[in-house]
Amino acid sequence: MKALVLHAYGPPEHLSFEDVAEPVPAAGEVLVRVLATSVNPYDWHYMRGEPRIARLMPGGPRRPRAVILGCDLAGRVEAVGEGVTAFRPGDDVYALLPHGAYAEYVTVPEDLLAPKPANLSHAQAAAMPMAAVTALVALSGVERGHRVLVNGASGGVGTFAVQLAKALGARVDAVCNAANADLARSLGATEVTDYREDDFTRGGRTYDVLLDIAGSRSLPACRRLLTRTGRFVAVGGPAGRWVQPAGHVFGALAAGPFTGRKVVLADAVACRDKKAVLSRLAGYAESGALTPVIDRSYPFGDLREAIAYQEAGHAKGKVVITR
């Protein structure tokens, strides 16, 4: 089968399309034909090996250990391994993987797969796993009547977060570029602040939850926005070669105890029950409360171009790849 293979850290040009062995499902695994995938910062951070501090973890200090990237998957079951009972060939599924979706086929543990939302195309479903799971994890504990602010509302995680906060019954406001203000409002945001013109931390409103995706303001500044029981949810931050965005996120976590406000990390990769979360997200999609925002769609052969475009940071919503 064809796969986009990474042999060394670096730009998209380091990725090459190669023939690799088609995987065979082991016991408890499902073989899925990949019909669509998408690009996330998670993918290109791994591709570049940046922030470099991350190379001390599973990425590998000198050479990447996972040679086929891609964590978002939407496809069709081709075969099942021994003991698999929830799926059969022909089922449409989607999943959040550690890696491996930038290929024609991938084997997936049964407990990571969920049925694809019935009303979404494979391309739309592929836009959801990493970004939508992150958004839903970040909104844990949000209830009707809460006030939520999403800083970085026009990207992948942000577009899902605005819709999910609205679906949970919260009043949601947004921070993004003025060019994306209408998009944020169409997704459910009541007030939209242009971060280029105004300091959103001095807007005078207070919130029960602040989702910090953009990482454009310090925690002490954002503290002004939070109620006494408010929660700062660290999602991302500015990119960098050595420690960012991890430096911003973990800096906020370290400073949290000194601010008198709760600070938590929203991490989709560490989510323990991905299948249950994906099933819940499918319910929101099928009810009409959640619609993926897709900026551009690329064919599989243009995956390197898709990664470069997403990495540039100007995409509204998600960048997807289809066959």
C-alpha atoms as a PDB file:
ATOM      1  CA  MET A   1       0.000   0.000   0.000  1.00  0.00           C
ATOM      2  CA  LYS A   2       1.009   3.660  -0.332  1.00  0.00           C
ATOM      3  CA  ALA A   3       1.853   5.673   2.770  1.00  0.00           C
ATOM      4  CA  LEU A   4       3.431   9.034   3.534  1.00  0.00           C
ATOM      5  CA  VAL A   5       6.593   8.094   5.419  1.00  0.00           C
ATOM      6  CA  LEU A   6       8.738  10.237   7.718  1.00  0.00           C
ATOM      7  CA  HIS A   7      12.398   9.219   8.038  1.00  0.00           C
ATOM      8  CA  ALA A   8      13.870  12.364   9.581  1.00  0.00           C
ATOM      9  CA  TYR A   9      12.641  15.450  11.414  1.00  0.00           C
ATOM     10  CA  GLY A  10      12.148  18.485   9.224  1.00  0.00           C
ATOM     11  CA  PRO A  11       9.786  20.257   6.793  1.00  0.00           C
ATOM     12  CA  PRO A  12       7.105  18.524   4.678  1.00  0.00           C
ATOM     13  CA  GLU A  13       9.688  17.899   1.960  1.00  0.00           C
ATOM     14  CA  HIS A  14      11.181  15.244   4.248  1.00  0.00           C
ATOM     15  CA  LEU A  15       8.019  13.174   3.850  1.00  0.00           C
ATOM     16  CA  SER A  16       7.942  10.691   0.983  1.00  0.00           C
ATOM     17  CA  PHE A  17       5.246   8.519  -0.567  1.00  0.00           C
ATOM     18  CA  GLU A  18       6.385   4.910  -0.396  1.00  0.00           C
ATOM     19  CA  ASP A  19       5.134   1.362  -0.812  1.00  0.00           C
ATOM     20  CA  VAL A  20       4.872  -0.324   2.575  1.00  0.00           C
ATOM     21  CA  ALA A  21       3.406  -3.627   3.706  1.00  0.00           C
ATOM     22  CA  GLU A  22      -0.352  -3.640   4.198  1.00  0.00           C
ATOM     23  CA  PRO A  23      -1.070  -4.267   7.896  1.00  0.00           C
ATOM     24  CA  VAL A  24      -2.889  -7.369   9.101  1.00  0.00           C
ATOM     25  CA  PRO A  25      -5.309  -7.048  12.028  1.00  0.00           C
ATOM     26  CA  ALA A  26      -4.253  -8.925  15.158  1.00  0.00           C
ATOM     27  CA  ALA A  27      -6.690 -10.157  17.771  1.00  0.00           C
ATOM     28  CA  GLY A  28      -8.857  -7.264  18.936  1.00  0.00           C
ATOM     29  CA  GLU A  29      -7.900  -5.082  15.957  1.00  0.00           C
ATOM     30  CA  VAL A  30      -9.789  -3.797  12.933  1.00  0.00           C
ATOM     31  CA  LEU A  31      -8.327  -3.173   9.467  1.00  0.00           C
ATOM     32  CA  VAL A  32      -9.681   0.128   8.150  1.00  0.00           C
ATOM     33  CA  ARG A  33      -9.379   1.535   4.658  1.00  0.00           C
ATOM     34  CA  VAL A  34      -8.559   5.225   5.126  1.00  0.00           C
ATOM     35  CA  LEU A  35     -11.004   7.326   3.107  1.00  0.00           C
ATOM     36  CA  ALA A  36     -10.192  10.652   4.752  1.00  0.00           C
ATOM     37  CA  THR A  37      -7.844  12.153   7.296  1.00  0.00           C
ATOM     38  CA  SER A  38      -6.851  15.670   8.379  1.00  0.00           C
ATOM     39  CA  VAL A  39      -3.890  17.731   9.527  1.00  0.00           C
ATOM     40  CA  ASN A  40      -3.359  18.857  13.124  1.00  0.00           C
ATOM     41  CA  PRO A  41      -0.541  20.778  14.820  1.00  0.00           C
ATOM     42  CA  TYR A  42       0.113  17.465  16.609  1.00  0.00           C
ATOM     43  CA  ASP A  43       1.154  15.991  13.243  1.00  0.00           C
ATOM     44  CA  TRP A  44       3.488  18.712  12.046  1.00  0.00           C
ATOM     45  CA  HIS A  45       5.049  19.224  15.482  1.00  0.00           C
ATOM     46  CA  TYR A  46       5.970  15.530  15.343  1.00  0.00           C
ATOM     47  CA  MET A  47       7.144  15.912  11.727  1.00  0.00           C
ATOM     48  CA  ARG A  48       9.539  18.720  12.667  1.00  0.00           C
ATOM     49  CA  GLY A  49      10.485  17.323  16.057  1.00  0.00           C
ATOM     50  CA  GLU A  50       9.508  20.650  17.581  1.00  0.00           C
ATOM     51  CA  PRO A  51       9.395  21.772  20.275  1.00  0.00           C
ATOM     52  CA  ARG A  52      12.685  19.933  20.617  1.00  0.00           C
ATOM     53  CA  ILE A  53      12.019  19.183  24.245  1.00  0.00           C
ATOM     54  CA  ALA A  54       9.385  16.732  22.959  1.00  0.00           C
ATOM     55  CA  ARG A  55      12.142  14.592  21.404  1.00  0.00           C
ATOM     56  CA  LEU A  56      12.960  13.419  24.922  1.00  0.00           C
ATOM     57  CA  MET A  57       9.559  11.697  24.950  1.00  0.00           C
ATOM     58  CA  PRO A  58       8.209   9.008  22.575  1.00  0.00           C
ATOM     59  CA  GLY A  59       9.165  10.948  19.437  1.00  0.00           C
ATOM     60  CA  GLY A  60      12.829   9.943  19.599  1.00  0.00           C
ATOM     61  CA  PRO A  61      15.818  12.271  20.218  1.00  0.00           C
ATOM     62  CA  ARG A  62      17.450  11.901  16.780  1.00  0.00           C
ATOM     63  CA  ARG A  63      15.058  10.074  14.483  1.00  0.00           C
ATOM     64  CA  PRO A  64      11.272   9.769  14.668  1.00  0.00           C
ATOM     65  CA  ARG A  65       9.982   6.435  15.932  1.00  0.00           C
ATOM     66  CA  ALA A  66       6.560   6.623  14.264  1.00  0.00           C
ATOM     67  CA  VAL A  67       7.249   6.858  10.548  1.00  0.00           C
ATOM     68  CA  ILE A  68       3.621   7.174   9.348  1.00  0.00           C
ATOM     69  CA  LEU A  69       1.900  10.237  10.810  1.00  0.00           C
ATOM     70  CA  GLY A  70      -1.789  11.099  10.903  1.00  0.00           C
ATOM     71  CA  CYS A  71      -3.993  10.869  13.990  1.00  0.00           C
ATOM     72  CA  ASP A  72      -7.422  11.603  12.460  1.00  0.00           C
ATOM     73  CA  LEU A  73      -9.116   8.732  10.666  1.00  0.00           C
ATOM     74  CA  ALA A  74     -12.401   8.226   8.830  1.00  0.00           C
ATOM     75  CA  GLY A  75     -12.844   5.125   6.743  1.00  0.00           C
ATOM     76  CA  ARG A  76     -14.445   1.765   6.151  1.00  0.00           C
ATOM     77  CA  VAL A  77     -13.801  -1.545   7.866  1.00  0.00           C
ATOM     78  CA  GLU A  78     -12.086  -4.043   5.544  1.00  0.00           C
ATOM     79  CA  ALA A  79     -11.447  -6.920   7.941  1.00  0.00           C
ATOM     80  CA  VAL A  80     -11.561  -7.696  11.649  1.00  0.00           C
ATOM     81  CA  GLY A  81      -9.211  -9.649  13.882  1.00  0.00           C
ATOM     82  CA  GLU A  82     -10.095 -12.472  16.196  1.00  0.00           C
ATOM     83  CA  GLY A  83     -12.446 -11.496  19.007  1.00  0.00           C
ATOM     84  CA  VAL A  84     -13.768  -8.300  17.411  1.00  0.00           C
ATOM     85  CA  THR A  85     -17.546  -8.115  17.889  1.00  0.00           C
ATOM     86  CA  ALA A  86     -18.532  -4.450  17.552  1.00  0.00           C
ATOM     87  CA  PHE A  87     -17.567  -3.999  13.891  1.00  0.00           C
ATOM     88  CA  ARG A  88     -17.725  -5.905  10.641  1.00  0.00           C
ATOM     89  CA  PRO A  89     -16.522  -5.313   7.071  1.00  0.00           C
ATOM     90  CA  GLY A  90     -18.348  -2.444   5.410  1.00  0.00           C
ATOM     91  CA  ASP A  91     -18.932  -0.408   8.573  1.00  0.00           C
ATOM     92  CA  ASP A  92     -18.104   3.294   8.345  1.00  0.00           C
ATOM     93  CA  VAL A  93     -15.958   4.350  11.313  1.00  0.00           C
ATOM     94  CA  TYR A  94     -13.778   7.127  12.649  1.00  0.00           C
ATOM     95  CA  ALA A  95     -11.046   7.271  15.261  1.00  0.00           C
ATOM     96  CA  LEU A  96      -8.360   9.251  17.047  1.00  0.00           C
ATOM     97  CA  LEU A  97      -5.052   7.416  16.614  1.00  0.00           C
ATOM     98  CA  PRO A  98      -1.542   7.930  17.979  1.00  0.00           C
ATOM     99  CA  HIS A  99      -0.347   7.880  14.332  1.00  0.00           C
ATOM    100  CA  GLY A 100      -0.710   5.900  11.100  1.00  0.00           C
ATOM    101  CA  ALA A 101      -3.615   7.517   9.222  1.00  0.00           C
ATOM    102  CA  TYR A 102      -1.479   8.902   6.369  1.00  0.00           C
ATOM    103  CA  ALA A 103      -1.720   5.574   4.584  1.00  0.00           C
ATOM    104  CA  GLU A 104      -4.188   3.543   2.519  1.00  0.00           C
ATOM    105  CA  TYR A 105      -4.905   1.132   5.371  1.00  0.00           C
ATOM    106  CA  VAL A 106      -4.357   1.101   9.109  1.00  0.00           C
ATOM    107  CA  THR A 107      -5.074  -1.379  11.893  1.00  0.00           C
ATOM    108  CA  VAL A 108      -6.920   0.075  14.869  1.00  0.00           C
ATOM    109  CA  PRO A 109      -7.705  -1.451  18.282  1.00  0.00           C
ATOM    110  CA  GLU A 110     -11.435  -2.073  18.495  1.00  0.00           C
ATOM    111  CA  ASP A 111     -11.769   0.096  21.586  1.00  0.00           C
ATOM    112  CA  LEU A 112     -10.514   3.201  19.727  1.00  0.00           C
ATOM    113  CA  LEU A 113     -13.090   3.026  16.924  1.00  0.00           C
ATOM    114  CA  ALA A 114     -16.550   4.578  16.873  1.00  0.00           C
ATOM    115  CA  PRO A 115     -19.255   4.549  14.185  1.00  0.00           C
ATOM    116  CA  LYS A 116     -18.949   7.522  11.843  1.00  0.00           C
ATOM    117  CA  PRO A 117     -21.655  10.168  12.378  1.00  0.00           C
ATOM    118  CA  ALA A 118     -24.388   9.097   9.971  1.00  0.00           C
ATOM    119  CA  ASN A 119     -25.051  12.589   8.608  1.00  0.00           C
ATOM    120  CA  LEU A 120     -21.413  13.467   7.894  1.00  0.00           C
ATOM    121  CA  SER A 121     -19.230  12.617   4.935  1.00  0.00           C
ATOM    122  CA  HIS A 122     -15.942  10.842   5.550  1.00  0.00           C
ATOM    123  CA  ALA A 123     -14.151  14.162   4.998  1.00  0.00           C
ATOM    124  CA  GLN A 124     -16.286  15.895   7.619  1.00  0.00           C
ATOM    125  CA  ALA A 125     -15.847  13.032  10.073  1.00  0.00           C
ATOM    126  CA  ALA A 126     -12.070  13.073   9.568  1.00  0.00           C
ATOM    127  CA  ALA A 127     -12.028  16.721  10.649  1.00  0.00           C
ATOM    128  CA  MET A 128     -13.353  15.840  14.087  1.00  0.00           C
ATOM    129  CA  PRO A 129     -11.281  13.412  16.179  1.00  0.00           C
ATOM    130  CA  MET A 130      -8.281  15.348  17.514  1.00  0.00           C
ATOM    131  CA  ALA A 131      -9.822  18.836  17.451  1.00  0.00           C
ATOM    132  CA  ALA A 132     -13.332  17.972  18.625  1.00  0.00           C
ATOM    133  CA  VAL A 133     -12.139  15.588  21.353  1.00  0.00           C
ATOM    134  CA  THR A 134      -9.789  18.317  22.609  1.00  0.00           C
ATOM    135  CA  ALA A 135     -12.651  20.825  22.634  1.00  0.00           C
ATOM    136  CA  LEU A 136     -15.035  18.515  24.499  1.00  0.00           C
ATOM    137  CA  VAL A 137     -12.379  17.560  27.063  1.00  0.00           C
ATOM    138  CA  ALA A 138     -11.624  21.263  27.551  1.00  0.00           C
ATOM    139  CA  LEU A 139     -15.299  21.969  28.231  1.00  0.00           C
ATOM    140  CA  SER A 140     -15.627  19.297  30.890  1.00  0.00           C
ATOM    141  CA  GLY A 141     -17.854  20.599  33.674  1.00  0.00           C
ATOM    142  CA  VAL A 142     -19.487  23.346  31.605  1.00  0.00           C
ATOM    143  CA  GLU A 143     -23.183  23.648  32.400  1.00  0.00           C
ATOM    144  CA  ARG A 144     -26.171  25.606  31.220  1.00  0.00           C
ATOM    145  CA  GLY A 145     -25.823  29.247  32.187  1.00  0.00           C
ATOM    146  CA  HIS A 146     -22.034  29.230  32.370  1.00  0.00           C
ATOM    147  CA  ARG A 147     -20.040  31.873  30.519  1.00  0.00           C
ATOM    148  CA  VAL A 148     -17.239  30.575  28.303  1.00  0.00           C
ATOM    149  CA  LEU A 149     -14.552  32.502  26.410  1.00  0.00           C
ATOM    150  CA  VAL A 150     -12.658  30.812  23.581  1.00  0.00           C
ATOM    151  CA  ASN A 151      -9.328  32.469  22.784  1.00  0.00           C
ATOM    152  CA  GLY A 152      -8.467  31.223  19.300  1.00  0.00           C
ATOM    153  CA  ALA A 153     -11.999  30.566  18.108  1.00  0.00           C
ATOM    154  CA  SER A 154     -11.458  30.232  14.358  1.00  0.00           C
ATOM    155  CA  GLY A 155      -9.053  27.279  14.221  1.00  0.00           C
ATOM    156  CA  GLY A 156      -9.757  23.571  14.398  1.00  0.00           C
ATOM    157  CA  VAL A 157     -10.246  23.247  18.156  1.00  0.00           C
ATOM    158  CA  GLY A 158     -11.824  26.695  18.447  1.00  0.00           C
ATOM    159  CA  THR A 159     -14.588  26.158  15.897  1.00  0.00           C
ATOM    160  CA  PHE A 160     -15.621  22.969  17.671  1.00  0.00           C
ATOM    161  CA  ALA A 161     -15.326  24.561  21.120  1.00  0.00           C
ATOM    162  CA  VAL A 162     -17.683  27.434  20.268  1.00  0.00           C
ATOM    163  CA  GLN A 163     -20.325  25.032  18.965  1.00  0.00           C
ATOM    164  CA  LEU A 164     -19.996  22.588  21.857  1.00  0.00           C
ATOM    165  CA  ALA A 165     -20.136  25.324  24.502  1.00  0.00           C
ATOM    166  CA  LYS A 166     -23.349  26.555  22.882  1.00  0.00           C
ATOM    167  CA  ALA A 167     -24.747  23.014  22.776  1.00  0.00           C
ATOM    168  CA  LEU A 168     -23.992  22.627  26.491  1.00  0.00           C
ATOM    169  CA  GLY A 169     -26.129  25.678  27.208  1.00  0.00           C
ATOM    170  CA  ALA A 170     -23.322  28.153  27.920  1.00  0.00           C
ATOM    171  CA  ARG A 171     -23.057  31.765  26.813  1.00  0.00           C
ATOM    172  CA  VAL A 172     -19.917  31.718  24.648  1.00  0.00           C
ATOM    173  CA  ASP A 173     -17.758  34.623  23.491  1.00  0.00           C
ATOM    174  CA  ALA A 174     -14.838  34.435  21.093  1.00  0.00           C
ATOM    175  CA  VAL A 175     -11.424  35.948  20.437  1.00  0.00           C
ATOM    176  CA  CYS A 176     -10.098  35.777  16.876  1.00  0.00           C
ATOM    177  CA  ASN A 177      -9.085  37.855  13.863  1.00  0.00           C
ATOM    178  CA  ALA A 178     -11.745  40.337  12.718  1.00  0.00           C
ATOM    179  CA  ALA A 179     -11.828  38.555   9.354  1.00  0.00           C
ATOM    180  CA  ASN A 180     -13.188  35.472  11.133  1.00  0.00           C
ATOM    181  CA  ALA A 181     -15.694  37.265  13.367  1.00  0.00           C
ATOM    182  CA  ASP A 182     -18.716  36.366  11.226  1.00  0.00           C
ATOM    183  CA  LEU A 183     -17.668  32.719  11.278  1.00  0.00           C
ATOM    184  CA  ALA A 184     -17.416  32.744  15.078  1.00  0.00           C
ATOM    185  CA  ARG A 185     -20.858  34.335  15.390  1.00  0.00           C
ATOM    186  CA  SER A 186     -22.375  31.826  12.967  1.00  0.00           C
ATOM    187  CA  LEU A 187     -21.087  29.027  15.206  1.00  0.00           C
ATOM    188  CA  GLY A 188     -22.740  30.487  18.302  1.00  0.00           C
ATOM    189  CA  ALA A 189     -20.485  33.211  19.721  1.00  0.00           C
ATOM    190  CA  THR A 190     -22.334  36.182  21.199  1.00  0.00           C
ATOM    191  CA  GLU A 191     -19.484  38.691  21.435  1.00  0.00           C
ATOM    192  CA  VAL A 192     -16.343  38.532  19.293  1.00  0.00           C
ATOM    193  CA  THR A 193     -13.125  40.407  20.126  1.00  0.00           C
ATOM    194  CA  ASP A 194     -10.496  41.163  17.493  1.00  0.00           C
ATOM    195  CA  TYR A 195      -7.221  40.335  19.249  1.00  0.00           C
ATOM    196  CA  ARG A 196      -5.322  42.660  16.915  1.00  0.00           C
ATOM    197  CA  GLU A 197      -7.321  45.704  17.979  1.00  0.00           C
ATOM    198  CA  ASP A 198      -8.350  45.045  21.590  1.00  0.00           C
ATOM    199  CA  ASP A 199      -6.883  43.438  24.694  1.00  0.00           C
ATOM    200  CA  PHE A 200      -9.571  40.899  25.491  1.00  0.00           C
ATOM    201  CA  THR A 201      -8.295  40.520  29.060  1.00  0.00           C
ATOM    202  CA  ARG A 202      -9.502  44.078  29.782  1.00  0.00           C
ATOM    203  CA  GLY A 203     -12.979  43.742  28.353  1.00  0.00           C
ATOM    204  CA  GLY A 204     -14.708  43.957  31.727  1.00  0.00           C
ATOM    205  CA  ARG A 205     -16.587  40.644  31.474  1.00  0.00           C
ATOM    206  CA  THR A 206     -15.906  37.605  33.620  1.00  0.00           C
ATOM    207  CA  TYR A 207     -16.159  33.949  32.684  1.00  0.00           C
ATOM    208  CA  ASP A 208     -16.568  30.568  34.311  1.00  0.00           C
ATOM    209  CA  VAL A 209     -14.224  28.982  31.760  1.00  0.00           C
ATOM    210  CA  LEU A 210     -11.508  30.432  29.528  1.00  0.00           C
ATOM    211  CA  LEU A 211     -10.274  28.075  26.799  1.00  0.00           C
ATOM    212  CA  ASP A 212      -6.796  29.301  25.897  1.00  0.00           C
ATOM    213  CA  ILE A 213      -6.019  27.858  22.479  1.00  0.00           C
ATOM    214  CA  ALA A 214      -4.007  30.734  21.006  1.00  0.00           C
ATOM    215  CA  GLY A 215      -1.852  31.337  24.085  1.00  0.00           C
ATOM    216  CA  SER A 216      -1.630  35.030  23.282  1.00  0.00           C
ATOM    217  CA  ARG A 217      -1.873  36.358  26.861  1.00  0.00           C
ATOM    218  CA  SER A 218      -0.252  35.379  30.138  1.00  0.00           C
ATOM    219  CA  LEU A 219      -2.128  33.576  32.887  1.00  0.00           C
ATOM    220  CA  PRO A 220      -1.937  36.578  35.286  1.00  0.00           C
ATOM    221  CA  ALA A 221      -3.574  38.750  32.613  1.00  0.00           C
ATOM    222  CA  CYS A 222      -6.250  36.150  31.917  1.00  0.00           C
ATOM    223  CA  ARG A 223      -6.977  35.829  35.642  1.00  0.00           C
ATOM    224  CA  ARG A 224      -8.839  39.151  35.422  1.00  0.00           C
ATOM    225  CA  LEU A 225     -11.425  37.427  33.237  1.00  0.00           C
ATOM    226  CA  LEU A 226     -12.216  34.560  35.588  1.00  0.00           C
ATOM    227  CA  THR A 227     -14.818  34.417  38.311  1.00  0.00           C
ATOM    228  CA  ARG A 228     -13.650  33.351  41.754  1.00  0.00           C
ATOM    229  CA  THR A 229     -14.475  29.739  40.845  1.00  0.00           C
ATOM    230  CA  GLY A 230     -13.465  30.167  37.208  1.00  0.00           C
ATOM    231  CA  ARG A 231     -11.230  27.735  35.335  1.00  0.00           C
ATOM    232  CA  PHE A 232      -8.390  28.420  32.887  1.00  0.00           C
ATOM    233  CA  VAL A 233      -8.069  25.573  30.381  1.00  0.00           C
ATOM    234  CA  ALA A 234      -4.683  25.427  28.642  1.00  0.00           C
ATOM    235  CA  VAL A 235      -4.982  23.990  25.132  1.00  0.00           C
ATOM    236  CA  GLY A 236      -2.148  25.453  23.068  1.00  0.00           C
ATOM    237  CA  GLY A 237       0.165  28.368  22.541  1.00  0.00           C
ATOM    238  CA  PRO A 238       2.561  30.044  20.126  1.00  0.00           C
ATOM    239  CA  ALA A 239       4.823  27.710  18.165  1.00  0.00           C
ATOM    240  CA  GLY A 240       8.562  27.608  18.791  1.00  0.00           C
ATOM    241  CA  ARG A 241      11.630  25.495  18.111  1.00  0.00           C
ATOM    242  CA  TRP A 242      12.687  24.520  21.604  1.00  0.00           C
ATOM    243  CA  VAL A 243       9.931  24.677  24.235  1.00  0.00           C
ATOM    244  CA  GLN A 244       6.872  26.399  22.740  1.00  0.00           C
ATOM    245  CA  PRO A 245       3.949  25.770  22.776  1.00  0.00           C
ATOM    246  CA  ALA A 246       4.686  23.382  25.651  1.00  0.00           C
ATOM    247  CA  GLY A 247       6.409  26.178  27.564  1.00  0.00           C
ATOM    248  CA  HIS A 248       3.287  28.338  27.568  1.00  0.00           C
ATOM    249  CA  VAL A 249       1.000  25.465  28.586  1.00  0.00           C
ATOM    250  CA  PHE A 250       3.157  24.081  31.369  1.00  0.00           C
ATOM    251  CA  GLY A 251       4.075  27.582  32.512  1.00  0.00           C
ATOM    252  CA  ALA A 252       0.360  28.242  33.059  1.00  0.00           C
ATOM    253  CA  LEU A 253      -0.016  24.973  34.945  1.00  0.00           C
ATOM    254  CA  ALA A 254       2.941  25.845  37.179  1.00  0.00           C
ATOM    255  CA  ALA A 255       1.646  29.354  37.854  1.00  0.00           C
ATOM    256  CA  GLY A 256      -1.888  28.201  38.570  1.00  0.00           C
ATOM    257  CA  PRO A 257      -1.506  27.650  42.339  1.00  0.00           C
ATOM    258  CA  PHE A 258      -0.274  31.236  42.752  1.00  0.00           C
ATOM    259  CA  THR A 259      -3.227  32.853  40.954  1.00  0.00           C
ATOM    260  CA  GLY A 260      -6.099  31.580  43.073  1.00  0.00           C
ATOM    261  CA  ARG A 261      -7.765  30.099  39.979  1.00  0.00           C
ATOM    262  CA  LYS A 262      -7.956  26.522  38.756  1.00  0.00           C
ATOM    263  CA  VAL A 263      -5.723  25.738  35.770  1.00  0.00           C
ATOM    264  CA  VAL A 264      -6.113  22.482  33.842  1.00  0.00           C
ATOM    265  CA  LEU A 265      -4.698  20.965  30.644  1.00  0.00           C
ATOM    266  CA  ALA A 266      -6.952  19.709  27.857  1.00  0.00           C
ATOM    267  CA  ASP A 267      -5.172  16.777  26.211  1.00  0.00           C
ATOM    268  CA  ALA A 268      -7.025  14.650  23.666  1.00  0.00           C
ATOM    269  CA  VAL A 269      -4.135  12.183  23.401  1.00  0.00           C
ATOM    270  CA  ALA A 270      -4.389  11.400  27.119  1.00  0.00           C
ATOM    271  CA  CYS A 271      -8.187  10.994  26.969  1.00  0.00           C
ATOM    272  CA  ARG A 272      -8.844   7.569  28.482  1.00  0.00           C
ATOM    273  CA  ASP A 273     -12.076   6.614  26.739  1.00  0.00           C
ATOM    274  CA  LYS A 274     -11.738   7.981  23.234  1.00  0.00           C
ATOM    275  CA  LYS A 275     -14.442   5.701  21.846  1.00  0.00           C
ATOM    276  CA  ALA A 276     -17.044   7.045  24.300  1.00  0.00           C
ATOM    277  CA  VAL A 277     -16.063  10.644  23.586  1.00  0.00           C
ATOM    278  CA  LEU A 278     -16.221  10.074  19.811  1.00  0.00           C
ATOM    279  CA  SER A 279     -19.642   8.467  20.205  1.00  0.00           C
ATOM    280  CA  ARG A 280     -20.834  11.479  22.185  1.00  0.00           C
ATOM    281  CA  LEU A 281     -19.486  13.830  19.515  1.00  0.00           C
ATOM    282  CA  ALA A 282     -21.280  11.795  16.848  1.00  0.00           C
ATOM    283  CA  GLY A 283     -24.506  12.417  18.755  1.00  0.00           C
ATOM    284  CA  TYR A 284     -23.926  16.178  18.687  1.00  0.00           C
ATOM    285  CA  ALA A 285     -23.194  16.007  14.958  1.00  0.00           C
ATOM    286  CA  GLU A 286     -26.274  13.921  14.186  1.00  0.00           C
ATOM    287  CA  SER A 287     -28.470  16.303  16.190  1.00  0.00           C
ATOM    288  CA  GLY A 288     -27.233  19.248  14.125  1.00  0.00           C
ATOM    289  CA  ALA A 289     -25.458  20.908  17.051  1.00  0.00           C
ATOM    290  CA  LEU A 290     -21.970  20.266  15.656  1.00  0.00           C
ATOM    291  CA  THR A 291     -20.786  20.819  12.089  1.00  0.00           C
ATOM    292  CA  PRO A 292     -17.096  20.626  11.142  1.00  0.00           C
ATOM    293  CA  VAL A 293     -15.697  23.770   9.548  1.00  0.00           C
ATOM    294  CA  ILE A 294     -13.453  22.780   6.643  1.00  0.00           C
ATOM    295  CA  ASP A 295     -11.128  25.391   5.176  1.00  0.00           C
ATOM    296  CA  ARG A 296      -9.612  23.284   2.389  1.00  0.00           C
ATOM    297  CA  SER A 297      -9.676  19.737   1.102  1.00  0.00           C
ATOM    298  CA  TYR A 298      -6.695  18.081  -0.605  1.00  0.00           C
ATOM    299  CA  PRO A 299      -6.269  14.744  -2.395  1.00  0.00           C
ATOM    300  CA  PHE A 300      -4.031  12.193  -0.715  1.00  0.00           C
ATOM    301  CA  GLY A 301      -1.247  12.874  -3.213  1.00  0.00           C
ATOM    302  CA  ASP A 302      -1.076  16.498  -2.039  1.00  0.00           C
ATOM    303  CA  LEU A 303      -0.731  15.663   1.652  1.00  0.00           C
ATOM    304  CA  ARG A 304       2.584  17.481   1.973  1.00  0.00           C
ATOM    305  CA  GLU A 305       0.992  20.657   0.605  1.00  0.00           C
ATOM    306  CA  ALA A 306      -1.903  20.241   3.047  1.00  0.00           C
ATOM    307  CA  ILE A 307       0.508  19.989   5.969  1.00  0.00           C
ATOM    308  CA  ALA A 308       2.396  23.087   4.831  1.00  0.00           C
ATOM    309  CA  TYR A 309      -0.837  25.070   4.531  1.00  0.00           C
ATOM    310  CA  GLN A 310      -2.078  24.076   7.994  1.00  0.00           C
ATOM    311  CA  GLU A 311       1.327  24.744   9.518  1.00  0.00           C
ATOM    312  CA  ALA A 312       1.210  28.329   8.185  1.00  0.00           C
ATOM    313  CA  GLY A 313      -1.548  28.992  10.728  1.00  0.00           C
ATOM    314  CA  HIS A 314      -4.166  30.709   8.568  1.00  0.00           C
ATOM    315  CA  ALA A 315      -6.728  27.917   8.191  1.00  0.00           C
ATOM    316  CA  LYS A 316     -10.304  28.552   9.295  1.00  0.00           C
ATOM    317  CA  GLY A 317     -11.332  25.302  10.930  1.00  0.00           C
ATOM    318  CA  LYS A 318      -9.767  22.136   9.546  1.00  0.00           C
ATOM    319  CA  VAL A 319      -7.700  21.008   6.558  1.00  0.00           C
ATOM    320  CA  VAL A 320      -8.775  17.573   5.331  1.00  0.00           C
ATOM    321  CA  ILE A 321      -7.382  14.984   2.945  1.00  0.00           C
ATOM    322  CA  THR A 322      -9.544  12.608   0.938  1.00  0.00           C
ATOM    323  CA  ARG A 323      -9.117   9.714  -1.490  1.00  0.00           C
END
